[in-house]
Protein backbone atom coordinates (compact mmCIF):
# COMPACT_ATOMS: atom_id res chain seq x y z
CA UNK A 1 -0.19 -0.20 0.30
CA UNK A 2 1.40 3.49 -1.00
CA UNK A 3 2.56 5.90 1.54
CA UNK A 4 0.19 8.35 1.24
CA UNK A 5 -2.96 6.08 1.24
CA UNK A 6 -1.83 4.55 4.36
CA UNK A 7 -1.03 7.68 5.74
CA UNK A 8 -4.89 9.13 4.93
CA UNK A 9 -6.16 5.81 5.80
CA UNK A 10 -4.71 6.51 9.75
CA UNK A 11 -5.60 9.94 10.14
CA UNK A 12 -8.64 9.63 8.80
CA UNK A 13 -9.48 6.94 11.78
CA UNK A 14 -7.91 8.85 14.51
CA UNK A 15 -9.84 11.83 13.42
CA UNK A 16 -13.09 9.40 13.97
CA UNK A 17 -12.21 8.02 16.78
CA UNK A 18 -11.65 12.29 18.45
CA UNK A 19 -15.55 12.48 16.96
CA UNK A 20 -16.64 8.85 19.00
CA UNK A 21 -14.85 11.06 21.69
CA UNK A 22 -15.94 14.26 21.44
CA UNK A 23 -19.59 13.02 20.30
CA UNK A 24 -19.54 10.77 23.91
CA UNK A 25 -18.07 13.70 25.68
CA UNK A 26 -21.25 16.22 25.37
CA UNK A 27 -24.02 13.38 25.36
CA UNK A 28 -22.48 12.76 28.84
CA UNK A 29 -22.21 16.07 29.88
CA UNK A 30 -25.92 17.20 28.32
CA UNK A 31 -25.53 19.98 26.39
CA UNK A 32 -28.22 21.01 24.82
CA UNK A 33 -30.31 18.10 26.47
CA UNK A 34 -28.92 15.97 23.96
CA UNK A 35 -28.11 13.42 26.62
CA UNK A 36 -31.97 12.56 27.08
CA UNK A 37 -32.14 13.59 22.94
CA UNK A 38 -30.29 10.24 22.55
CA UNK A 39 -31.44 7.93 25.82
CA UNK A 40 -34.33 9.02 26.50
CA UNK A 41 -36.34 8.78 22.73
CA UNK A 42 -36.81 5.56 20.36
CA UNK A 43 -34.23 6.50 17.65
CA UNK A 44 -31.39 7.91 19.94
CA UNK A 45 -28.87 5.87 18.55
CA UNK A 46 -29.45 7.20 15.49
CA UNK A 47 -28.95 10.86 16.47
CA UNK A 48 -25.62 9.50 17.66
CA UNK A 49 -24.40 7.65 14.81
CA UNK A 50 -24.63 11.23 13.05
CA UNK A 51 -23.26 13.25 15.00
CA UNK A 52 -20.76 10.90 15.14
CA UNK A 53 -20.63 10.51 11.25
CA UNK A 54 -20.60 13.55 10.95
CA UNK A 55 -18.73 15.45 12.96
CA UNK A 56 -15.61 12.54 12.13
CA UNK A 57 -15.95 14.08 8.74
CA UNK A 58 -14.98 17.47 9.85
CA UNK A 59 -12.19 16.06 12.70
CA UNK A 60 -11.14 13.46 10.27
CA UNK A 61 -10.37 16.12 7.24
CA UNK A 62 -8.60 18.52 9.72
CA UNK A 63 -6.59 15.55 11.05
CA UNK A 64 -5.47 14.82 7.30
CA UNK A 65 -4.24 18.25 6.63
CA UNK A 66 -2.27 18.97 9.78
CA UNK A 67 -0.31 15.34 8.72
CA UNK A 68 0.03 16.69 5.64
CA UNK A 69 1.39 19.90 6.69
CA UNK A 70 4.05 18.42 9.18
CA UNK A 71 5.33 16.61 6.22
CA UNK A 72 6.72 19.83 4.91
CA UNK A 73 10.66 19.85 5.22
CA UNK A 74 11.58 22.05 8.36
CA UNK A 75 13.27 25.46 8.06
CA UNK A 76 16.52 26.04 7.31
CA UNK A 77 17.22 29.59 8.54
CA UNK A 78 15.88 32.52 9.35
CA UNK A 79 13.51 33.72 6.25
CA UNK A 80 12.53 37.80 6.02
CA UNK A 81 15.61 39.64 5.14
CA UNK A 82 18.35 41.11 7.11
CA UNK A 83 17.30 42.52 10.55
CA UNK A 84 19.68 46.43 10.39
CA UNK A 85 19.33 48.96 12.98
CA UNK A 86 17.44 52.34 11.93
CA UNK A 87 20.25 54.88 11.97
CA UNK A 88 19.05 57.83 12.30
CA UNK A 89 17.01 59.75 14.93
CA UNK A 90 13.12 59.31 14.52
CA UNK A 91 11.66 63.59 14.92
CA UNK A 92 7.96 64.61 14.47
CA UNK A 93 7.51 66.47 11.38
CA UNK A 94 4.41 69.44 11.17
CA UNK A 95 1.95 69.20 8.09
CA UNK A 96 -0.35 71.88 7.67
CA UNK A 97 -3.77 71.23 7.51
CA UNK A 98 -5.49 73.73 4.94
CA UNK A 99 -9.19 74.49 6.15
CA UNK A 100 -12.81 75.00 4.27
């Protein structure tokens, strides 16, 4: 299996695991009455699965994007030009304003 495919599968699995933990936490903490929705209604399991899937898509995308960005080569040194001191003394100047 190519390394990029393996990287994708691993990070998507991590993202869905994080989503499962996140949704479990918000149900357990009863955020916005979700505990009642999931545990006390007939189709509450469907709401739980939908929340895991939709959050899993988001978390998996973020996790994979983070993993891809970590693949970049490290910087070899400072960038942005040479740091030079400002020579001379700074002094305010007066600017005339015209009346209307």
